[in-house]
Amino acid sequence: MFSWKALIQFAVYDQWIAALISGQRPKARYEHGAVVVQDRMYIYGGNHNGCYLNDIQVLDLICWTWSKIEAKAGAESLESPSPVTFSPCADHSLVSM
């Protein structure tokens, strides 16, 4: 199916345009780690106004939606795995495997 909207988005040349992104946007940060795995970009940690962060944010690169990942630990057989708290960190790297 042909989409005029897609054509218009790519017709702009040599200009920055704001992407239409939904979801709760993460805090602005620097010194964070980011990695793209398939159609998603994962961001972990970073520095926000001198405070180190420990959250995991994901941007779906197909539908342009932000979400936050809540990590859980425990065997799959457990009925309610416990939440995992990651250490705050900044100035690091992420690598997909």
N, C-alpha and C. Protein backbone atom coordinates (compact mmCIF):
# COMPACT_ATOMS: atom_id res chain seq x y z
N MET A 1 0.84 -1.17 0.00
CA MET A 1 0.00 0.00 0.00
C MET A 1 0.89 1.24 0.00
N PHE A 2 0.60 2.20 -0.84
CA PHE A 2 1.39 3.42 -0.97
C PHE A 2 1.01 4.41 0.12
N SER A 3 2.00 5.05 0.71
CA SER A 3 1.74 6.02 1.78
C SER A 3 2.33 7.38 1.40
N TRP A 4 1.46 8.36 1.21
CA TRP A 4 1.93 9.73 0.92
C TRP A 4 2.69 10.30 2.11
N LYS A 5 2.28 9.92 3.31
CA LYS A 5 2.96 10.40 4.52
C LYS A 5 4.43 9.99 4.50
N ALA A 6 4.70 8.74 4.14
CA ALA A 6 6.09 8.27 4.07
C ALA A 6 6.87 9.04 3.02
N LEU A 7 6.24 9.32 1.88
CA LEU A 7 6.90 10.07 0.82
C LEU A 7 7.23 11.48 1.29
N ILE A 8 6.31 12.12 1.98
CA ILE A 8 6.53 13.49 2.46
C ILE A 8 7.65 13.52 3.49
N GLN A 9 7.71 12.52 4.37
CA GLN A 9 8.75 12.49 5.39
C GLN A 9 10.14 12.43 4.77
N PHE A 10 10.30 11.73 3.67
CA PHE A 10 11.60 11.57 3.06
C PHE A 10 11.88 12.58 1.97
N ALA A 11 10.90 13.45 1.66
CA ALA A 11 11.10 14.46 0.62
C ALA A 11 11.95 15.63 1.14
N VAL A 12 12.07 15.77 2.45
CA VAL A 12 12.86 16.85 3.04
C VAL A 12 14.33 16.51 2.87
N TYR A 13 15.10 17.44 2.36
CA TYR A 13 16.51 17.19 2.13
C TYR A 13 17.34 18.26 2.84
N ASP A 14 18.41 17.83 3.48
CA ASP A 14 19.36 18.74 4.09
C ASP A 14 18.74 19.59 5.20
N GLN A 15 17.79 19.02 5.93
CA GLN A 15 17.15 19.70 7.05
C GLN A 15 16.89 18.68 8.16
N TRP A 16 16.91 19.14 9.39
CA TRP A 16 16.49 18.31 10.50
C TRP A 16 14.99 18.49 10.66
N ILE A 17 14.28 17.39 10.88
CA ILE A 17 12.86 17.47 11.17
C ILE A 17 12.60 16.66 12.44
N ALA A 18 11.60 17.07 13.19
CA ALA A 18 11.25 16.37 14.43
C ALA A 18 10.46 15.11 14.10
N ALA A 19 10.89 13.99 14.65
CA ALA A 19 10.17 12.73 14.46
C ALA A 19 8.97 12.71 15.40
N LEU A 20 7.89 12.08 14.97
CA LEU A 20 6.71 11.92 15.81
C LEU A 20 6.90 10.67 16.66
N ILE A 21 7.27 10.88 17.93
CA ILE A 21 7.58 9.77 18.83
C ILE A 21 6.57 9.77 19.96
N SER A 22 6.06 8.59 20.29
CA SER A 22 5.08 8.49 21.38
C SER A 22 5.70 7.75 22.57
N GLY A 23 4.94 7.67 23.63
CA GLY A 23 5.41 7.01 24.85
C GLY A 23 6.07 8.00 25.79
N GLN A 24 6.35 7.55 27.00
CA GLN A 24 7.01 8.38 28.01
C GLN A 24 8.48 8.52 27.65
N ARG A 25 8.89 9.71 27.29
CA ARG A 25 10.28 9.94 26.90
C ARG A 25 11.19 9.85 28.13
N PRO A 26 12.35 9.24 27.96
CA PRO A 26 13.27 9.16 29.10
C PRO A 26 13.89 10.52 29.40
N LYS A 27 14.48 10.62 30.58
CA LYS A 27 15.19 11.85 30.95
C LYS A 27 16.32 12.10 29.96
N ALA A 28 16.58 13.37 29.70
CA ALA A 28 17.75 13.72 28.90
C ALA A 28 18.99 13.22 29.63
N ARG A 29 19.98 12.74 28.90
CA ARG A 29 21.15 12.16 29.53
C ARG A 29 22.35 12.22 28.61
N TYR A 30 23.51 12.02 29.17
CA TYR A 30 24.76 11.86 28.42
C TYR A 30 25.57 10.80 29.13
N GLU A 31 26.65 10.33 28.51
CA GLU A 31 27.48 9.24 29.03
C GLU A 31 26.69 7.94 29.22
N HIS A 32 25.64 7.75 28.45
CA HIS A 32 24.84 6.52 28.53
C HIS A 32 25.36 5.49 27.54
N GLY A 33 24.92 4.28 27.69
CA GLY A 33 25.23 3.23 26.73
C GLY A 33 24.01 3.00 25.86
N ALA A 34 24.22 2.78 24.56
CA ALA A 34 23.11 2.52 23.64
C ALA A 34 23.52 1.44 22.65
N VAL A 35 22.57 0.59 22.30
CA VAL A 35 22.82 -0.47 21.32
C VAL A 35 21.52 -0.73 20.56
N VAL A 36 21.65 -1.01 19.27
CA VAL A 36 20.49 -1.37 18.46
C VAL A 36 20.50 -2.88 18.27
N VAL A 37 19.38 -3.52 18.60
CA VAL A 37 19.19 -4.95 18.40
C VAL A 37 17.91 -5.10 17.60
N GLN A 38 18.05 -5.64 16.40
CA GLN A 38 16.93 -5.77 15.47
C GLN A 38 16.27 -4.41 15.26
N ASP A 39 15.02 -4.25 15.65
CA ASP A 39 14.29 -3.00 15.39
C ASP A 39 14.12 -2.15 16.64
N ARG A 40 15.01 -2.34 17.61
CA ARG A 40 14.89 -1.57 18.86
C ARG A 40 16.24 -1.02 19.29
N MET A 41 16.22 0.18 19.87
CA MET A 41 17.42 0.78 20.43
C MET A 41 17.26 0.78 21.95
N TYR A 42 18.21 0.16 22.63
CA TYR A 42 18.21 0.07 24.09
C TYR A 42 19.20 1.08 24.65
N ILE A 43 18.78 1.78 25.70
CA ILE A 43 19.62 2.76 26.37
C ILE A 43 19.67 2.39 27.85
N TYR A 44 20.88 2.37 28.40
CA TYR A 44 21.04 2.04 29.82
C TYR A 44 21.89 3.10 30.49
N GLY A 45 21.42 3.55 31.65
CA GLY A 45 22.19 4.44 32.51
C GLY A 45 22.44 5.81 31.90
N GLY A 46 23.55 6.39 32.32
CA GLY A 46 23.93 7.71 31.87
C GLY A 46 23.96 8.70 33.00
N ASN A 47 24.18 9.94 32.63
CA ASN A 47 24.30 11.02 33.60
C ASN A 47 23.23 12.06 33.28
N HIS A 48 22.46 12.44 34.29
CA HIS A 48 21.43 13.47 34.15
C HIS A 48 21.67 14.51 35.24
N ASN A 49 22.20 15.66 34.85
CA ASN A 49 22.48 16.75 35.80
C ASN A 49 23.33 16.30 36.99
N GLY A 50 24.33 15.49 36.73
CA GLY A 50 25.23 15.04 37.79
C GLY A 50 24.76 13.81 38.54
N CYS A 51 23.59 13.26 38.20
CA CYS A 51 23.09 12.05 38.85
C CYS A 51 23.20 10.88 37.88
N TYR A 52 23.80 9.79 38.35
CA TYR A 52 23.91 8.60 37.51
C TYR A 52 22.57 7.87 37.50
N LEU A 53 22.19 7.37 36.34
CA LEU A 53 20.91 6.70 36.15
C LEU A 53 21.11 5.19 36.06
N ASN A 54 20.04 4.42 36.38
CA ASN A 54 20.13 2.96 36.29
C ASN A 54 18.94 2.37 35.55
N ASP A 55 18.28 3.17 34.72
CA ASP A 55 17.11 2.67 34.01
C ASP A 55 17.47 2.11 32.64
N ILE A 56 16.58 1.25 32.13
CA ILE A 56 16.74 0.69 30.79
C ILE A 56 15.55 1.19 29.97
N GLN A 57 15.83 1.96 28.94
CA GLN A 57 14.82 2.51 28.06
C GLN A 57 14.95 1.86 26.69
N VAL A 58 13.84 1.73 25.99
CA VAL A 58 13.89 1.14 24.65
C VAL A 58 13.03 1.98 23.70
N LEU A 59 13.60 2.23 22.52
CA LEU A 59 12.88 2.94 21.47
C LEU A 59 12.62 1.95 20.33
N ASP A 60 11.35 1.69 20.06
CA ASP A 60 10.97 0.84 18.94
C ASP A 60 11.16 1.66 17.67
N LEU A 61 12.04 1.22 16.80
CA LEU A 61 12.40 1.98 15.61
C LEU A 61 11.41 1.78 14.45
N ILE A 62 10.42 0.92 14.63
CA ILE A 62 9.38 0.74 13.63
C ILE A 62 8.20 1.68 13.91
N CYS A 63 7.68 1.64 15.14
CA CYS A 63 6.52 2.47 15.46
C CYS A 63 6.90 3.73 16.24
N TRP A 64 8.20 3.96 16.49
CA TRP A 64 8.71 5.16 17.16
C TRP A 64 8.02 5.38 18.51
N THR A 65 8.13 4.37 19.37
CA THR A 65 7.52 4.44 20.70
C THR A 65 8.57 4.13 21.76
N TRP A 66 8.64 5.00 22.79
CA TRP A 66 9.52 4.77 23.94
C TRP A 66 8.80 3.90 24.95
N SER A 67 9.56 3.05 25.63
CA SER A 67 9.04 2.30 26.77
C SER A 67 10.20 2.03 27.72
N LYS A 68 9.86 1.67 28.95
CA LYS A 68 10.87 1.36 29.96
C LYS A 68 10.81 -0.12 30.26
N ILE A 69 11.96 -0.75 30.39
CA ILE A 69 12.03 -2.17 30.69
C ILE A 69 12.21 -2.34 32.20
N GLU A 70 11.37 -3.17 32.78
CA GLU A 70 11.50 -3.55 34.18
C GLU A 70 12.07 -4.95 34.20
N ALA A 71 13.31 -5.09 34.59
CA ALA A 71 13.98 -6.40 34.59
C ALA A 71 13.55 -7.21 35.81
N LYS A 72 13.36 -8.50 35.61
CA LYS A 72 12.99 -9.42 36.69
C LYS A 72 13.99 -10.56 36.73
N ALA A 73 14.27 -11.06 37.92
CA ALA A 73 15.19 -12.18 38.07
C ALA A 73 14.47 -13.35 38.72
N GLY A 74 14.90 -14.52 38.36
CA GLY A 74 14.33 -15.72 38.96
C GLY A 74 14.02 -16.74 37.89
N ALA A 75 13.86 -17.97 38.31
CA ALA A 75 13.55 -19.05 37.37
C ALA A 75 12.15 -18.86 36.82
N GLU A 76 11.93 -19.35 35.60
CA GLU A 76 10.62 -19.24 34.98
C GLU A 76 9.55 -19.99 35.76
N SER A 77 9.96 -20.97 36.54
CA SER A 77 8.99 -21.75 37.30
C SER A 77 8.44 -20.97 38.50
N LEU A 78 9.14 -19.92 38.91
CA LEU A 78 8.66 -19.11 40.03
C LEU A 78 7.46 -18.30 39.59
N GLU A 79 6.48 -18.19 40.47
CA GLU A 79 5.28 -17.46 40.11
C GLU A 79 5.50 -15.96 40.02
N SER A 80 6.31 -15.40 40.89
CA SER A 80 6.54 -13.96 40.84
C SER A 80 8.03 -13.67 41.04
N PRO A 81 8.77 -13.58 39.94
CA PRO A 81 10.19 -13.25 40.08
C PRO A 81 10.37 -11.87 40.70
N SER A 82 11.47 -11.69 41.38
CA SER A 82 11.70 -10.41 42.05
C SER A 82 12.33 -9.41 41.08
N PRO A 83 12.01 -8.12 41.26
CA PRO A 83 12.61 -7.09 40.40
C PRO A 83 14.12 -7.01 40.62
N VAL A 84 14.83 -6.68 39.58
CA VAL A 84 16.28 -6.53 39.65
C VAL A 84 16.60 -5.04 39.67
N THR A 85 17.49 -4.66 40.57
CA THR A 85 17.95 -3.28 40.60
C THR A 85 19.35 -3.24 40.02
N PHE A 86 19.52 -2.49 38.93
CA PHE A 86 20.83 -2.34 38.33
C PHE A 86 21.56 -1.18 38.98
N SER A 87 22.87 -1.28 39.04
CA SER A 87 23.66 -0.20 39.61
C SER A 87 23.67 0.99 38.66
N PRO A 88 23.54 2.19 39.20
CA PRO A 88 23.66 3.36 38.34
C PRO A 88 25.06 3.43 37.75
N CYS A 89 25.16 3.81 36.51
CA CYS A 89 26.48 3.94 35.90
C CYS A 89 26.41 4.90 34.71
N ALA A 90 27.59 5.39 34.34
CA ALA A 90 27.71 6.31 33.21
C ALA A 90 29.09 6.11 32.58
N ASP A 91 29.21 6.59 31.36
CA ASP A 91 30.48 6.51 30.63
C ASP A 91 30.88 5.06 30.39
N HIS A 92 29.94 4.26 29.88
CA HIS A 92 30.14 2.84 29.64
C HIS A 92 29.70 2.50 28.21
N SER A 93 29.77 1.25 27.83
CA SER A 93 29.37 0.79 26.51
C SER A 93 28.40 -0.37 26.62
N LEU A 94 27.58 -0.56 25.61
CA LEU A 94 26.72 -1.73 25.49
C LEU A 94 27.09 -2.46 24.21
N VAL A 95 27.02 -3.78 24.25
CA VAL A 95 27.34 -4.60 23.10
C VAL A 95 26.25 -5.65 22.94
N SER A 96 25.73 -5.81 21.73
CA SER A 96 24.74 -6.86 21.51
C SER A 96 25.45 -8.18 21.23
N MET A 97 24.86 -9.27 21.66
CA MET A 97 25.48 -10.59 21.46
C MET A 97 24.53 -11.49 20.74
